[in-house]
Every structure is written in structure tokens, then in C-alpha cells.
Amino acid sequence: MKKLALFIALFFASLITMAQDVIVMKDGSTIQSKVMEINGTEIKYKKWSNLDGPMYSISRNEVNSINYQNGEVELITTVTPSYPAMYANGRMERDGKNLTLDGRELSDVEVRQLVGEENYQTYLSAKKQIGLGKTYTYIFFGSLGASAVLSIVYMIEGSEPAIILSAVATGLVANASFPLMLVFNNAGKGRMNWVADEFNRNGKASAFSWQLSPSIMKCNSMESQNNLGLGLTFSVNF
């Protein structure tokens, strides 16, 4: 009689054990549960000891496998979220000729995945413009310094033709490179800021930024209708 009672108890205990789902964690621990849902990032379940209780969730990257009540075993694969999913709430900003997200410099591959193909092409173009602006910056300050040195030599040595011509030539190079330095630098920075603002506007981060940049504009006068000049443009994005 006792053997029969023990057999019945073990039989029902095995049925109860088989009726639950066992979540096996990567650290070796287990959770007796009823699995309710598995999606791309998490597993939702209820505790077996309280099926009428609250729903719990756990990252699928922490789970090794699930042993279902019917004996089926499902291995849980690790999921690597895409860049947009990882950084959707971050704030993108320009740092020199690169973009950062929450202070971390982004590679070109990351920028492409975050901002989309069209804005990525704008980013590449802006990066080239900033690079050209930096080149003209070096030319401007180099020629300006050379012109200053030649002017000093001219005052010391006298009016040697070679010195005069060199001083004039380097001065002309400095004058020509200065507007190009301003235009390329600021145009590139402005477009780079625009890419960052687009990302921030589509996400939850604030997209407010301002830009003070030079621009080429047409000037009307009594003598001519085709004069060109440099002006400053102030823009604010919200």
C-alpha cells in the first residue's frame, strides 16, 4: 500500500514538473516558469509558482535555452541590436570633421547606419569641405607668415625686386585663400551640423543648434549689377 501511494505521488510530481517551462540561464541557474512570449530582444514569462501574478521579462542574451513542458528544447541565440536601436535616444554632435554620439566618435560605417543613405552622402560631402577648408587654412597662415617675413627682409635689405615680388605673391595667395578658407570650413560645418540635427530631430534628443557662417551674395550698386561680396548668415535650428 505504501509503495502504491509513493508511486502515485511520484507520478503526479512528474506531471507537475513536465507541465512547466524551464528557462536555463547562461550562468547555470534556472527559472521555473510559463513562457508567454519571445521577441527579438527579450523573453516574457510568469513564475510557475504564481501563474496569476505579474509578467516578468528578461533579456534573451542572458538565456541559454528553454526546456518546454512538452519536452522540446529551444536554444536562444544572442541578438546584437542594430546601431539605430542601440543609440536611438543619444545626442549626435559635430566634433571637427567627425560626428559623435553622446561624446563617442562615430566611424563612417556607424554614421551610415544611423542617419540613412541620403544624409550619409551629405555627411561625406561636408567632411570633404571641412578638409578643404583646413587645407586653405594652412595655405592662408603659411603665406601670411611668409609675406610678413619677406616684408621684414624688404625693410632691412632694401627694395630688391625679388623680395618685393615674393612679398606681393605670398600676400596675394593669402588674400585668395582667406575667403576660400571661410567658405569651405563653414559650409562643411553647417552641413555636418544639419546631419546631426536631422538625427536628433528624428530621435528624442534636442535638435537645437545655431550656426554663424559666411556666404557669397550678390550686391547691387549704381555702377554694376554683378558685384559679389561676402556676408554672414546666422541660422537657428529647433
C-alpha atoms as a PDB file:
ATOM      1  CA  MET A   1       0.000   0.000   0.000  1.00  0.00           C
ATOM      2  CA  LYS A   2       2.786   2.406   0.904  1.00  0.00           C
ATOM      3  CA  LYS A   3       4.580   1.578  -2.335  1.00  0.00           C
ATOM      4  CA  LEU A   4       1.435   2.360  -4.317  1.00  0.00           C
ATOM      5  CA  ALA A   5       0.998   5.726  -2.563  1.00  0.00           C
ATOM      6  CA  LEU A   6       4.640   6.587  -3.218  1.00  0.00           C
ATOM      7  CA  PHE A   7       4.269   5.642  -6.879  1.00  0.00           C
ATOM      8  CA  ILE A   8       1.164   7.826  -7.247  1.00  0.00           C
ATOM      9  CA  ALA A   9       2.912  10.773  -5.562  1.00  0.00           C
ATOM     10  CA  LEU A  10       5.949  10.462  -7.844  1.00  0.00           C
ATOM     11  CA  PHE A  11       3.682  10.133 -10.877  1.00  0.00           C
ATOM     12  CA  PHE A  12       1.823  13.350 -10.132  1.00  0.00           C
ATOM     13  CA  ALA A  13       5.072  15.125  -9.220  1.00  0.00           C
ATOM     14  CA  SER A  14       6.494  14.194 -12.621  1.00  0.00           C
ATOM     15  CA  LEU A  15       3.356  15.513 -14.327  1.00  0.00           C
ATOM     16  CA  ILE A  16       3.680  18.796 -12.490  1.00  0.00           C
ATOM     17  CA  THR A  17       7.358  19.042 -13.426  1.00  0.00           C
ATOM     18  CA  MET A  18       6.613  18.326 -17.074  1.00  0.00           C
ATOM     19  CA  ALA A  19       3.854  20.934 -17.142  1.00  0.00           C
ATOM     20  CA  GLN A  20       6.231  23.837 -16.592  1.00  0.00           C
ATOM     21  CA  ASP A  21       8.745  25.588 -18.817  1.00  0.00           C
ATOM     22  CA  VAL A  22      12.293  25.781 -17.504  1.00  0.00           C
ATOM     23  CA  ILE A  23      14.365  28.792 -18.541  1.00  0.00           C
ATOM     24  CA  VAL A  24      18.059  27.872 -18.368  1.00  0.00           C
ATOM     25  CA  MET A  25      20.275  30.898 -17.832  1.00  0.00           C
ATOM     26  CA  LYS A  26      23.821  31.266 -19.162  1.00  0.00           C
ATOM     27  CA  ASP A  27      25.155  31.281 -15.587  1.00  0.00           C
ATOM     28  CA  GLY A  28      23.612  27.819 -14.996  1.00  0.00           C
ATOM     29  CA  SER A  29      20.635  28.905 -12.896  1.00  0.00           C
ATOM     30  CA  THR A  30      17.061  28.012 -13.879  1.00  0.00           C
ATOM     31  CA  ILE A  31      13.645  29.665 -13.682  1.00  0.00           C
ATOM     32  CA  GLN A  32      10.510  27.539 -13.300  1.00  0.00           C
ATOM     33  CA  SER A  33       8.027  29.398 -15.453  1.00  0.00           C
ATOM     34  CA  LYS A  34       5.337  29.590 -18.060  1.00  0.00           C
ATOM     35  CA  VAL A  35       6.841  31.281 -21.112  1.00  0.00           C
ATOM     36  CA  MET A  36       4.362  33.777 -22.559  1.00  0.00           C
ATOM     37  CA  GLU A  37       6.287  35.475 -25.366  1.00  0.00           C
ATOM     38  CA  ILE A  38       9.687  35.518 -27.084  1.00  0.00           C
ATOM     39  CA  ASN A  39      10.557  38.514 -29.251  1.00  0.00           C
ATOM     40  CA  GLY A  40      13.690  39.954 -30.804  1.00  0.00           C
ATOM     41  CA  THR A  41      15.161  41.301 -27.565  1.00  0.00           C
ATOM     42  CA  GLU A  42      13.502  39.647 -24.550  1.00  0.00           C
ATOM     43  CA  ILE A  43      11.604  36.694 -23.123  1.00  0.00           C
ATOM     44  CA  LYS A  44       8.383  37.314 -21.187  1.00  0.00           C
ATOM     45  CA  TYR A  45       7.185  34.773 -18.643  1.00  0.00           C
ATOM     46  CA  LYS A  46       5.183  34.167 -15.498  1.00  0.00           C
ATOM     47  CA  LYS A  47       6.539  32.384 -12.476  1.00  0.00           C
ATOM     48  CA  TRP A  48       5.279  28.826 -12.248  1.00  0.00           C
ATOM     49  CA  SER A  49       4.579  29.313  -8.557  1.00  0.00           C
ATOM     50  CA  ASN A  50       2.290  32.270  -9.321  1.00  0.00           C
ATOM     51  CA  LEU A  51       0.687  31.975 -12.759  1.00  0.00           C
ATOM     52  CA  ASP A  52      -1.893  34.605 -11.845  1.00  0.00           C
ATOM     53  CA  GLY A  53       0.840  37.038 -10.857  1.00  0.00           C
ATOM     54  CA  PRO A  54       2.712  39.700 -12.843  1.00  0.00           C
ATOM     55  CA  MET A  55       4.522  39.237 -16.142  1.00  0.00           C
ATOM     56  CA  TYR A  56       8.319  39.236 -15.994  1.00  0.00           C
ATOM     57  CA  SER A  57      10.819  39.838 -18.780  1.00  0.00           C
ATOM     58  CA  ILE A  58      14.464  39.012 -19.238  1.00  0.00           C
ATOM     59  CA  SER A  59      16.953  39.795 -21.998  1.00  0.00           C
ATOM     60  CA  ARG A  60      17.341  36.882 -24.385  1.00  0.00           C
ATOM     61  CA  ASN A  61      21.096  37.497 -24.315  1.00  0.00           C
ATOM     62  CA  GLU A  62      21.092  36.194 -20.709  1.00  0.00           C
ATOM     63  CA  VAL A  63      19.311  32.943 -21.594  1.00  0.00           C
ATOM     64  CA  ASN A  64      20.946  29.783 -22.874  1.00  0.00           C
ATOM     65  CA  SER A  65      17.866  27.653 -23.618  1.00  0.00           C
ATOM     66  CA  ILE A  66      14.237  26.923 -22.715  1.00  0.00           C
ATOM     67  CA  ASN A  67      13.038  23.437 -21.825  1.00  0.00           C
ATOM     68  CA  TYR A  68       9.337  23.406 -22.662  1.00  0.00           C
ATOM     69  CA  GLN A  69       6.710  21.338 -20.898  1.00  0.00           C
ATOM     70  CA  ASN A  70       6.304  19.039 -23.926  1.00  0.00           C
ATOM     71  CA  GLY A  71       9.992  18.077 -23.807  1.00  0.00           C
ATOM     72  CA  GLU A  72      11.097  20.394 -26.610  1.00  0.00           C
ATOM     73  CA  VAL A  73      14.334  22.305 -26.033  1.00  0.00           C
ATOM     74  CA  GLU A  74      14.900  25.673 -27.739  1.00  0.00           C
ATOM     75  CA  LEU A  75      18.361  27.212 -27.854  1.00  0.00           C
ATOM     76  CA  ILE A  76      18.225  31.015 -27.546  1.00  0.00           C
ATOM     77  CA  THR A  77      20.535  32.889 -29.889  1.00  0.00           C
ATOM     78  CA  THR A  78      22.317  36.063 -28.841  1.00  0.00           C
ATOM     79  CA  VAL A  79      20.938  39.173 -30.512  1.00  0.00           C
ATOM     80  CA  THR A  80      23.110  42.152 -31.414  1.00  0.00           C
ATOM     81  CA  PRO A  81      20.885  45.211 -31.798  1.00  0.00           C
ATOM     82  CA  SER A  82      21.445  47.472 -34.780  1.00  0.00           C
ATOM     83  CA  TYR A  83      23.093  50.867 -34.287  1.00  0.00           C
ATOM     84  CA  PRO A  84      19.818  52.799 -34.608  1.00  0.00           C
ATOM     85  CA  ALA A  85      18.234  50.622 -31.931  1.00  0.00           C
ATOM     86  CA  MET A  86      21.244  50.998 -29.640  1.00  0.00           C
ATOM     87  CA  TYR A  87      21.534  54.754 -29.947  1.00  0.00           C
ATOM     88  CA  ALA A  88      18.029  55.956 -30.769  1.00  0.00           C
ATOM     89  CA  ASN A  89      17.939  58.258 -27.730  1.00  0.00           C
ATOM     90  CA  GLY A  90      21.501  59.558 -27.975  1.00  0.00           C
ATOM     91  CA  ARG A  91      22.516  63.081 -28.971  1.00  0.00           C
ATOM     92  CA  MET A  92      24.630  63.488 -32.086  1.00  0.00           C
ATOM     93  CA  GLU A  93      27.028  66.427 -32.380  1.00  0.00           C
ATOM     94  CA  ARG A  94      29.826  67.575 -34.671  1.00  0.00           C
ATOM     95  CA  ASP A  95      33.389  67.444 -33.401  1.00  0.00           C
ATOM     96  CA  GLY A  96      35.768  68.872 -36.001  1.00  0.00           C
ATOM     97  CA  LYS A  97      35.085  66.959 -39.204  1.00  0.00           C
ATOM     98  CA  ASN A  98      33.597  63.959 -37.396  1.00  0.00           C
ATOM     99  CA  LEU A  99      30.297  63.190 -35.678  1.00  0.00           C
ATOM    100  CA  THR A 100      29.945  61.991 -32.105  1.00  0.00           C
ATOM    101  CA  LEU A 101      27.097  60.321 -30.255  1.00  0.00           C
ATOM    102  CA  ASP A 102      26.927  61.045 -26.532  1.00  0.00           C
ATOM    103  CA  GLY A 103      30.595  62.041 -26.716  1.00  0.00           C
ATOM    104  CA  ARG A 104      31.816  58.924 -28.578  1.00  0.00           C
ATOM    105  CA  GLU A 105      33.329  59.458 -32.037  1.00  0.00           C
ATOM    106  CA  LEU A 106      31.462  57.571 -34.753  1.00  0.00           C
ATOM    107  CA  SER A 107      33.029  55.719 -37.658  1.00  0.00           C
ATOM    108  CA  ASP A 108      31.740  56.231 -41.197  1.00  0.00           C
ATOM    109  CA  VAL A 109      30.013  52.826 -41.037  1.00  0.00           C
ATOM    110  CA  GLU A 110      28.157  53.796 -37.867  1.00  0.00           C
ATOM    111  CA  VAL A 111      27.124  57.162 -39.319  1.00  0.00           C
ATOM    112  CA  ARG A 112      25.750  55.448 -42.424  1.00  0.00           C
ATOM    113  CA  GLN A 113      23.617  53.059 -40.350  1.00  0.00           C
ATOM    114  CA  LEU A 114      22.392  55.821 -38.060  1.00  0.00           C
ATOM    115  CA  VAL A 115      21.459  58.600 -40.492  1.00  0.00           C
ATOM    116  CA  GLY A 116      20.489  56.751 -43.672  1.00  0.00           C
ATOM    117  CA  GLU A 117      21.980  56.804 -47.166  1.00  0.00           C
ATOM    118  CA  GLU A 118      20.897  60.316 -48.250  1.00  0.00           C
ATOM    119  CA  ASN A 119      22.147  62.084 -45.121  1.00  0.00           C
ATOM    120  CA  TYR A 120      25.276  59.918 -45.212  1.00  0.00           C
ATOM    121  CA  GLN A 121      26.171  61.345 -48.631  1.00  0.00           C
ATOM    122  CA  THR A 122      25.694  64.849 -47.206  1.00  0.00           C
ATOM    123  CA  TYR A 123      27.972  63.863 -44.318  1.00  0.00           C
ATOM    124  CA  LEU A 124      30.719  62.652 -46.700  1.00  0.00           C
ATOM    125  CA  SER A 125      30.469  65.811 -48.797  1.00  0.00           C
ATOM    126  CA  ALA A 126      30.591  68.010 -45.689  1.00  0.00           C
ATOM    127  CA  LYS A 127      33.621  66.096 -44.437  1.00  0.00           C
ATOM    128  CA  LYS A 128      35.457  66.832 -47.702  1.00  0.00           C
ATOM    129  CA  GLN A 129      34.526  70.513 -47.484  1.00  0.00           C
ATOM    130  CA  ILE A 130      35.881  70.770 -43.948  1.00  0.00           C
ATOM    131  CA  GLY A 131      39.070  69.049 -45.138  1.00  0.00           C
ATOM    132  CA  LEU A 132      39.427  71.595 -47.967  1.00  0.00           C
ATOM    133  CA  GLY A 133      38.767  74.388 -45.508  1.00  0.00           C
ATOM    134  CA  LYS A 134      41.571  73.094 -43.299  1.00  0.00           C
ATOM    135  CA  THR A 135      43.923  72.942 -46.320  1.00  0.00           C
ATOM    136  CA  TYR A 136      43.149  76.560 -47.221  1.00  0.00           C
ATOM    137  CA  THR A 137      43.649  77.484 -43.556  1.00  0.00           C
ATOM    138  CA  TYR A 138      47.210  76.120 -43.699  1.00  0.00           C
ATOM    139  CA  ILE A 139      47.824  77.928 -47.001  1.00  0.00           C
ATOM    140  CA  PHE A 140      46.459  81.210 -45.634  1.00  0.00           C
ATOM    141  CA  PHE A 141      48.508  81.254 -42.439  1.00  0.00           C
ATOM    142  CA  GLY A 142      51.609  79.911 -44.219  1.00  0.00           C
ATOM    143  CA  SER A 143      51.510  82.554 -46.953  1.00  0.00           C
ATOM    144  CA  LEU A 144      50.619  85.264 -44.438  1.00  0.00           C
ATOM    145  CA  GLY A 145      53.631  84.338 -42.333  1.00  0.00           C
ATOM    146  CA  ALA A 146      55.896  84.193 -45.391  1.00  0.00           C
ATOM    147  CA  SER A 147      54.628  87.582 -46.563  1.00  0.00           C
ATOM    148  CA  ALA A 148      55.345  89.070 -43.140  1.00  0.00           C
ATOM    149  CA  VAL A 149      58.877  87.650 -43.108  1.00  0.00           C
ATOM    150  CA  LEU A 150      59.565  88.950 -46.622  1.00  0.00           C
ATOM    151  CA  SER A 151      58.247  92.361 -45.648  1.00  0.00           C
ATOM    152  CA  ILE A 152      60.704  92.481 -42.746  1.00  0.00           C
ATOM    153  CA  VAL A 153      63.545  91.385 -45.056  1.00  0.00           C
ATOM    154  CA  TYR A 154      62.499  94.129 -47.508  1.00  0.00           C
ATOM    155  CA  MET A 155      62.739  96.766 -44.766  1.00  0.00           C
ATOM    156  CA  ILE A 156      66.178  95.509 -43.773  1.00  0.00           C
ATOM    157  CA  GLU A 157      67.735  94.740 -47.141  1.00  0.00           C
ATOM    158  CA  GLY A 158      66.079  97.411 -49.249  1.00  0.00           C
ATOM    159  CA  SER A 159      63.999  97.318 -52.395  1.00  0.00           C
ATOM    160  CA  GLU A 160      65.324  94.177 -54.058  1.00  0.00           C
ATOM    161  CA  PRO A 161      62.942  93.192 -56.920  1.00  0.00           C
ATOM    162  CA  ALA A 162      62.954  89.519 -55.967  1.00  0.00           C
ATOM    163  CA  ILE A 163      61.978  90.320 -52.392  1.00  0.00           C
ATOM    164  CA  ILE A 164      59.231  92.691 -53.491  1.00  0.00           C
ATOM    165  CA  LEU A 165      57.783  90.189 -55.956  1.00  0.00           C
ATOM    166  CA  SER A 166      57.902  87.364 -53.391  1.00  0.00           C
ATOM    167  CA  ALA A 167      56.200  89.509 -50.756  1.00  0.00           C
ATOM    168  CA  VAL A 168      53.483  90.549 -53.236  1.00  0.00           C
ATOM    169  CA  ALA A 169      52.973  86.947 -54.429  1.00  0.00           C
ATOM    170  CA  THR A 170      52.623  85.492 -50.939  1.00  0.00           C
ATOM    171  CA  GLY A 171      50.299  88.348 -49.992  1.00  0.00           C
ATOM    172  CA  LEU A 172      48.084  87.579 -52.996  1.00  0.00           C
ATOM    173  CA  VAL A 173      47.999  83.888 -52.053  1.00  0.00           C
ATOM    174  CA  ALA A 174      46.960  84.828 -48.516  1.00  0.00           C
ATOM    175  CA  ASN A 175      44.210  87.125 -49.809  1.00  0.00           C
ATOM    176  CA  ALA A 176      42.906  84.477 -52.210  1.00  0.00           C
ATOM    177  CA  SER A 177      42.942  81.622 -49.672  1.00  0.00           C
ATOM    178  CA  PHE A 178      41.213  83.568 -46.883  1.00  0.00           C
ATOM    179  CA  PRO A 179      37.679  83.625 -48.373  1.00  0.00           C
ATOM    180  CA  LEU A 180      38.047  80.021 -49.565  1.00  0.00           C
ATOM    181  CA  MET A 181      39.059  79.020 -46.037  1.00  0.00           C
ATOM    182  CA  LEU A 182      35.942  80.680 -44.593  1.00  0.00           C
ATOM    183  CA  VAL A 183      33.507  79.354 -47.185  1.00  0.00           C
ATOM    184  CA  PHE A 184      34.658  75.719 -47.221  1.00  0.00           C
ATOM    185  CA  ASN A 185      35.127  75.499 -43.441  1.00  0.00           C
ATOM    186  CA  ASN A 186      31.782  76.971 -42.532  1.00  0.00           C
ATOM    187  CA  ALA A 187      29.800  75.361 -45.340  1.00  0.00           C
ATOM    188  CA  GLY A 188      31.127  71.950 -44.329  1.00  0.00           C
ATOM    189  CA  LYS A 189      30.483  72.536 -40.640  1.00  0.00           C
ATOM    190  CA  GLY A 190      26.996  73.838 -41.347  1.00  0.00           C
ATOM    191  CA  ARG A 191      26.073  70.777 -43.417  1.00  0.00           C
ATOM    192  CA  MET A 192      27.607  68.443 -40.814  1.00  0.00           C
ATOM    193  CA  ASN A 193      25.538  70.145 -38.111  1.00  0.00           C
ATOM    194  CA  TRP A 194      22.460  69.703 -40.297  1.00  0.00           C
ATOM    195  CA  VAL A 195      23.028  65.917 -40.469  1.00  0.00           C
ATOM    196  CA  ALA A 196      23.337  65.784 -36.677  1.00  0.00           C
ATOM    197  CA  ASP A 197      20.198  67.912 -36.247  1.00  0.00           C
ATOM    198  CA  GLU A 198      18.224  65.596 -38.527  1.00  0.00           C
ATOM    199  CA  PHE A 199      19.200  62.597 -36.405  1.00  0.00           C
ATOM    200  CA  ASN A 200      18.401  64.403 -33.143  1.00  0.00           C
ATOM    201  CA  ARG A 201      15.083  65.652 -34.521  1.00  0.00           C
ATOM    202  CA  ASN A 202      14.013  62.133 -35.509  1.00  0.00           C
ATOM    203  CA  GLY A 203      15.029  60.783 -32.116  1.00  0.00           C
ATOM    204  CA  LYS A 204      14.281  62.130 -28.665  1.00  0.00           C
ATOM    205  CA  ALA A 205      17.337  64.348 -28.236  1.00  0.00           C
ATOM    206  CA  SER A 206      17.072  68.102 -28.572  1.00  0.00           C
ATOM    207  CA  ALA A 207      17.866  69.296 -32.090  1.00  0.00           C
ATOM    208  CA  PHE A 208      18.573  72.920 -31.151  1.00  0.00           C
ATOM    209  CA  SER A 209      21.728  74.330 -32.720  1.00  0.00           C
ATOM    210  CA  TRP A 210      22.964  77.583 -34.197  1.00  0.00           C
ATOM    211  CA  GLN A 211      25.402  78.402 -36.963  1.00  0.00           C
ATOM    212  CA  LEU A 212      27.170  81.635 -37.933  1.00  0.00           C
ATOM    213  CA  SER A 213      28.698  81.194 -41.363  1.00  0.00           C
ATOM    214  CA  PRO A 214      29.904  83.327 -44.271  1.00  0.00           C
ATOM    215  CA  SER A 215      28.037  83.256 -47.546  1.00  0.00           C
ATOM    216  CA  ILE A 216      28.593  84.640 -51.023  1.00  0.00           C
ATOM    217  CA  MET A 217      25.913  87.131 -52.049  1.00  0.00           C
ATOM    218  CA  LYS A 218      25.186  89.383 -54.989  1.00  0.00           C
ATOM    219  CA  CYS A 219      25.429  93.126 -54.350  1.00  0.00           C
ATOM    220  CA  ASN A 220      23.560  95.671 -56.445  1.00  0.00           C
ATOM    221  CA  SER A 221      25.117  99.092 -56.989  1.00  0.00           C
ATOM    222  CA  MET A 222      24.723 102.113 -59.246  1.00  0.00           C
ATOM    223  CA  GLU A 223      27.791 101.159 -61.287  1.00  0.00           C
ATOM    224  CA  SER A 224      27.204  97.451 -61.723  1.00  0.00           C
ATOM    225  CA  GLN A 225      24.568  94.814 -61.146  1.00  0.00           C
ATOM    226  CA  ASN A 226      27.031  91.919 -60.934  1.00  0.00           C
ATOM    227  CA  ASN A 227      29.139  92.624 -57.847  1.00  0.00           C
ATOM    228  CA  LEU A 228      29.733  89.734 -55.471  1.00  0.00           C
ATOM    229  CA  GLY A 229      30.538  90.046 -51.792  1.00  0.00           C
ATOM    230  CA  LEU A 230      30.926  88.051 -48.594  1.00  0.00           C
ATOM    231  CA  GLY A 231      28.271  88.204 -45.901  1.00  0.00           C
ATOM    232  CA  LEU A 232      27.478  86.457 -42.613  1.00  0.00           C
ATOM    233  CA  THR A 233      24.446  84.192 -42.225  1.00  0.00           C
ATOM    234  CA  PHE A 234      23.054  83.382 -38.785  1.00  0.00           C
ATOM    235  CA  SER A 235      20.731  80.359 -38.586  1.00  0.00           C
ATOM    236  CA  VAL A 236      18.988  78.647 -35.684  1.00  0.00           C
ATOM    237  CA  ASN A 237      17.502  75.126 -35.783  1.00  0.00           C
ATOM    238  CA  PHE A 238      14.944  73.828 -33.304  1.00  0.00           C
END
